[in-house]
C-alpha atoms as a PDB file:
ATOM      1  CA  MET A   1     100.837  91.348 119.677  1.00  0.00           C
ATOM      2  CA  SER A   2     103.268  91.619 122.537  1.00  0.00           C
ATOM      3  CA  GLY A   3     105.430  94.704 122.257  1.00  0.00           C
ATOM      4  CA  ARG A   4     103.176  96.347 119.701  1.00  0.00           C
ATOM      5  CA  ASP A   5     103.064 100.131 120.069  1.00  0.00           C
ATOM      6  CA  HIS A   6      99.504 101.042 119.100  1.00  0.00           C
ATOM      7  CA  HIS A   7     100.030 104.674 120.061  1.00  0.00           C
ATOM      8  CA  ARG A   8     102.913 105.076 117.595  1.00  0.00           C
ATOM      9  CA  GLU A   9     100.976 103.281 114.843  1.00  0.00           C
ATOM     10  CA  ILE A  10      98.042 105.646 115.340  1.00  0.00           C
ATOM     11  CA  GLU A  11     100.336 108.683 115.361  1.00  0.00           C
ATOM     12  CA  ALA A  12     101.855 107.448 112.096  1.00  0.00           C
ATOM     13  CA  LEU A  13      98.357 107.267 110.565  1.00  0.00           C
ATOM     14  CA  LEU A  14      97.673 110.863 111.613  1.00  0.00           C
ATOM     15  CA  HIS A  15     100.964 111.931 110.026  1.00  0.00           C
ATOM     16  CA  ARG A  16     100.233 110.022 106.792  1.00  0.00           C
ATOM     17  CA  TYR A  17      97.124 112.166 106.411  1.00  0.00           C
ATOM     18  CA  ALA A  18      99.201 115.354 106.795  1.00  0.00           C
ATOM     19  CA  GLU A  19     101.808 114.126 104.306  1.00  0.00           C
ATOM     20  CA  ALA A  20      99.187 113.148 101.719  1.00  0.00           C
ATOM     21  CA  ILE A  21      97.265 116.405 101.831  1.00  0.00           C
ATOM     22  CA  ASP A  22     100.458 118.481 101.703  1.00  0.00           C
ATOM     23  CA  ALA A  23     101.587 116.472  98.671  1.00  0.00           C
ATOM     24  CA  GLY A  24      98.263 117.211  96.970  1.00  0.00           C
ATOM     25  CA  ASP A  25      97.664 113.457  96.795  1.00  0.00           C
ATOM     26  CA  PHE A  26      93.931 113.527  97.422  1.00  0.00           C
ATOM     27  CA  GLU A  27      93.546 109.923  96.280  1.00  0.00           C
ATOM     28  CA  ALA A  28      95.856 108.909  99.124  1.00  0.00           C
ATOM     29  CA  VAL A  29      93.826 111.076 101.516  1.00  0.00           C
ATOM     30  CA  GLY A  30      90.679 109.338 100.292  1.00  0.00           C
ATOM     31  CA  GLY A  31      92.341 105.947 100.678  1.00  0.00           C
ATOM     32  CA  LEU A  32      92.914 106.669 104.354  1.00  0.00           C
ATOM     33  CA  PHE A  33      89.133 106.939 104.703  1.00  0.00           C
ATOM     34  CA  ALA A  34      88.207 103.827 102.718  1.00  0.00           C
ATOM     35  CA  ASN A  35      86.529 102.569 105.894  1.00  0.00           C
ATOM     36  CA  GLY A  36      85.594 105.911 107.363  1.00  0.00           C
ATOM     37  CA  ALA A  37      84.165 109.395 107.097  1.00  0.00           C
ATOM     38  CA  VAL A  38      85.326 112.997 107.259  1.00  0.00           C
ATOM     39  CA  CYS A  39      82.988 114.982 109.496  1.00  0.00           C
ATOM     40  CA  ALA A  40      82.024 118.596 110.123  1.00  0.00           C
ATOM     41  CA  PRO A  41      82.552 120.276 113.502  1.00  0.00           C
ATOM     42  CA  ASP A  42      79.109 119.104 114.648  1.00  0.00           C
ATOM     43  CA  GLY A  43      80.060 115.491 113.884  1.00  0.00           C
ATOM     44  CA  ALA A  44      77.884 115.141 110.764  1.00  0.00           C
ATOM     45  CA  ALA A  45      79.528 113.118 108.006  1.00  0.00           C
ATOM     46  CA  ILE A  46      80.554 115.242 105.018  1.00  0.00           C
ATOM     47  CA  ALA A  47      82.052 112.411 102.946  1.00  0.00           C
ATOM     48  CA  GLU A  48      82.282 108.648 103.514  1.00  0.00           C
ATOM     49  CA  GLY A  49      84.579 106.203 101.760  1.00  0.00           C
ATOM     50  CA  ALA A  50      87.633 106.648  99.578  1.00  0.00           C
ATOM     51  CA  GLY A  51      85.936 108.036  96.477  1.00  0.00           C
ATOM     52  CA  ALA A  52      83.758 110.546  98.297  1.00  0.00           C
ATOM     53  CA  VAL A  53      86.640 111.812 100.448  1.00  0.00           C
ATOM     54  CA  THR A  54      88.895 112.142  97.387  1.00  0.00           C
ATOM     55  CA  ARG A  55      86.189 114.158  95.601  1.00  0.00           C
ATOM     56  CA  LEU A  56      85.680 116.321  98.693  1.00  0.00           C
ATOM     57  CA  TYR A  57      89.346 117.333  98.801  1.00  0.00           C
ATOM     58  CA  GLU A  58      89.543 117.813  95.029  1.00  0.00           C
ATOM     59  CA  SER A  59      86.543 120.139  95.121  1.00  0.00           C
ATOM     60  CA  THR A  60      87.527 122.169  98.191  1.00  0.00           C
ATOM     61  CA  THR A  61      91.341 122.437  98.231  1.00  0.00           C
ATOM     62  CA  ARG A  62      93.316 124.581  95.807  1.00  0.00           C
ATOM     63  CA  ARG A  63      96.373 122.998  94.164  1.00  0.00           C
ATOM     64  CA  TYR A  64      99.162 124.949  92.506  1.00  0.00           C
ATOM     65  CA  GLU A  65     101.398 124.336  89.478  1.00  0.00           C
ATOM     66  CA  ASP A  66     103.473 121.838  91.433  1.00  0.00           C
ATOM     67  CA  GLY A  67     100.321 119.833  92.239  1.00  0.00           C
ATOM     68  CA  THR A  68     100.379 120.697  95.941  1.00  0.00           C
ATOM     69  CA  PRO A  69      98.340 123.106  98.046  1.00  0.00           C
ATOM     70  CA  ARG A  70     101.648 124.705  99.151  1.00  0.00           C
ATOM     71  CA  THR A  71     100.860 123.839 102.765  1.00  0.00           C
ATOM     72  CA  ARG A  72     102.370 122.050 105.724  1.00  0.00           C
ATOM     73  CA  HIS A  73      99.985 120.426 108.175  1.00  0.00           C
ATOM     74  CA  ILE A  74     101.547 120.145 111.625  1.00  0.00           C
ATOM     75  CA  VAL A  75      99.842 117.623 113.942  1.00  0.00           C
ATOM     76  CA  THR A  76     100.632 117.961 117.643  1.00  0.00           C
ATOM     77  CA  ASN A  77      99.366 117.211 121.150  1.00  0.00           C
ATOM     78  CA  VAL A  78      98.286 113.702 120.173  1.00  0.00           C
ATOM     79  CA  VAL A  79      96.350 111.899 122.896  1.00  0.00           C
ATOM     80  CA  VAL A  80      95.371 108.292 122.167  1.00  0.00           C
ATOM     81  CA  GLU A  81      92.841 106.389 124.254  1.00  0.00           C
ATOM     82  CA  LEU A  82      92.751 102.691 123.440  1.00  0.00           C
ATOM     83  CA  ASP A  83      89.644 100.706 124.326  1.00  0.00           C
ATOM     84  CA  ALA A  84      90.129  97.658 126.530  1.00  0.00           C
ATOM     85  CA  ASP A  85      89.934  95.373 123.492  1.00  0.00           C
ATOM     86  CA  ARG A  86      92.867  97.270 121.895  1.00  0.00           C
ATOM     87  CA  ARG A  87      90.987  97.112 118.578  1.00  0.00           C
ATOM     88  CA  THR A  88      89.347 100.533 118.727  1.00  0.00           C
ATOM     89  CA  ALA A  89      90.631 103.889 119.872  1.00  0.00           C
ATOM     90  CA  VAL A  90      89.925 107.586 120.009  1.00  0.00           C
ATOM     91  CA  ALA A  91      92.680 110.065 119.206  1.00  0.00           C
ATOM     92  CA  ARG A  92      92.560 113.780 119.862  1.00  0.00           C
ATOM     93  CA  SER A  93      95.123 116.100 118.321  1.00  0.00           C
ATOM     94  CA  ARG A  94      95.707 119.668 117.282  1.00  0.00           C
ATOM     95  CA  PHE A  95      96.582 120.905 113.822  1.00  0.00           C
ATOM     96  CA  THR A  96      98.216 124.023 112.457  1.00  0.00           C
ATOM     97  CA  VAL A  97      98.333 124.577 108.716  1.00  0.00           C
ATOM     98  CA  HIS A  98     101.031 126.853 107.300  1.00  0.00           C
ATOM     99  CA  GLN A  99     100.935 128.097 103.721  1.00  0.00           C
ATOM    100  CA  ALA A 100     103.026 130.227 101.383  1.00  0.00           C
ATOM    101  CA  THR A 101     102.209 131.131  97.775  1.00  0.00           C
ATOM    102  CA  ASP A 102     103.447 133.715  95.312  1.00  0.00           C
ATOM    103  CA  SER A 103     100.919 136.157  96.789  1.00  0.00           C
ATOM    104  CA  LEU A 104     100.828 134.948 100.426  1.00  0.00           C
ATOM    105  CA  VAL A 105     103.782 135.228 102.780  1.00  0.00           C
ATOM    106  CA  LEU A 106     104.434 132.121 104.898  1.00  0.00           C
ATOM    107  CA  GLN A 107     101.904 132.083 107.718  1.00  0.00           C
ATOM    108  CA  ALA A 108      99.569 129.934 109.786  1.00  0.00           C
ATOM    109  CA  ILE A 109      96.223 129.943 107.986  1.00  0.00           C
ATOM    110  CA  ILE A 110      94.152 127.729 110.289  1.00  0.00           C
ATOM    111  CA  VAL A 111      94.461 126.094 113.701  1.00  0.00           C
ATOM    112  CA  GLY A 112      92.107 123.518 115.121  1.00  0.00           C
ATOM    113  CA  ASP A 113      91.393 120.135 116.623  1.00  0.00           C
ATOM    114  CA  TYR A 114      90.917 116.652 115.209  1.00  0.00           C
ATOM    115  CA  GLU A 115      88.926 113.979 116.978  1.00  0.00           C
ATOM    116  CA  ASP A 116      89.403 110.581 115.377  1.00  0.00           C
ATOM    117  CA  ALA A 117      87.614 107.287 115.905  1.00  0.00           C
ATOM    118  CA  LEU A 118      89.943 104.497 114.822  1.00  0.00           C
ATOM    119  CA  GLU A 119      89.800 100.741 114.418  1.00  0.00           C
ATOM    120  CA  LEU A 120      92.409  98.025 114.053  1.00  0.00           C
ATOM    121  CA  LEU A 121      91.303  96.344 110.827  1.00  0.00           C
ATOM    122  CA  ASP A 122      93.313  93.642 109.058  1.00  0.00           C
ATOM    123  CA  ASP A 123      96.184  94.343 111.460  1.00  0.00           C
ATOM    124  CA  ARG A 124      96.424  98.081 110.658  1.00  0.00           C
ATOM    125  CA  TRP A 125      94.833 101.153 112.191  1.00  0.00           C
ATOM    126  CA  VAL A 126      92.227 102.906 110.015  1.00  0.00           C
ATOM    127  CA  PHE A 127      90.073 105.989 110.344  1.00  0.00           C
ATOM    128  CA  ARG A 128      86.397 105.382 111.089  1.00  0.00           C
ATOM    129  CA  ARG A 129      85.535 109.049 111.687  1.00  0.00           C
ATOM    130  CA  ARG A 130      87.532 112.263 111.663  1.00  0.00           C
ATOM    131  CA  VAL A 131      85.832 115.322 113.104  1.00  0.00           C
ATOM    132  CA  MET A 132      87.608 118.561 112.188  1.00  0.00           C
ATOM    133  CA  ARG A 133      87.031 121.539 114.460  1.00  0.00           C
ATOM    134  CA  PRO A 134      88.719 124.744 113.302  1.00  0.00           C
ATOM    135  CA  VAL A 135      89.422 127.097 116.202  1.00  0.00           C
ATOM    136  CA  LEU A 136      91.366 130.004 114.684  1.00  0.00           C
ATOM    137  CA  LEU A 137      90.977 131.069 111.060  1.00  0.00           C
ATOM    138  CA  GLY A 138      93.559 133.077 109.162  1.00  0.00           C
ATOM    139  CA  ASP A 139      93.779 133.889 105.461  1.00  0.00           C
ATOM    140  CA  LEU A 140      92.303 130.815 103.750  1.00  0.00           C
ATOM    141  CA  SER A 141      91.819 132.565 100.403  1.00  0.00           C
ATOM    142  CA  GLN A 142      94.824 130.834  98.840  1.00  0.00           C
ATOM    143  CA  HIS A 143      93.942 127.413 100.258  1.00  0.00           C
ATOM    144  CA  LEU A 144      90.237 126.720  99.915  1.00  0.00           C
ATOM    145  CA  LEU A 145      88.032 126.676  96.822  1.00  0.00           C
ATOM    146  CA  ILE A 146      84.974 127.191  99.043  1.00  0.00           C
ATOM    147  CA  ASP A 147      83.820 129.962 101.369  1.00  0.00           C
ATOM    148  CA  PRO A 148      85.843 129.618 104.593  1.00  0.00           C
ATOM    149  CA  GLY A 149      82.727 130.658 106.489  1.00  0.00           C
ATOM    150  CA  VAL A 150      81.593 127.029 106.402  1.00  0.00           C
ATOM    151  CA  TRP A 151      84.141 126.367 109.147  1.00  0.00           C
ATOM    152  CA  LYS A 152      82.844 128.970 111.571  1.00  0.00           C
ATOM    153  CA  ARG A 153      81.094 127.603 114.622  1.00  0.00           C
END
């Protein structure tokens, strides 16, 4: 494994999540969590495994005629802490979601933090847990199919 850049591989995983959700490909989002869980701000698991995570996104995220949620997830400030064994890691990052629809001018609709527990499994990094902590909420009415109040602390 000499020369392997674990930090870049983990960053790529974080970006694959953003690409999949913005494409409206909730099966791909679920696939990223085949070995993991999506968690609420308090750390409680909301959905575990590919099927449950896919269903979670299908039931909570609005898609438009083009099949997408008309969003762009921007992931920044990525900090990766590898364990000594270099087989597990924690990543902290920030997210900003922009959206534009026919009735919503382009704007940031939510800003928050991700805290990810990751594992090197079968020579690739996978999510074990993703805790999502929204910090600033904008107009989520065109994005979510659920009451945005569930994200308030």
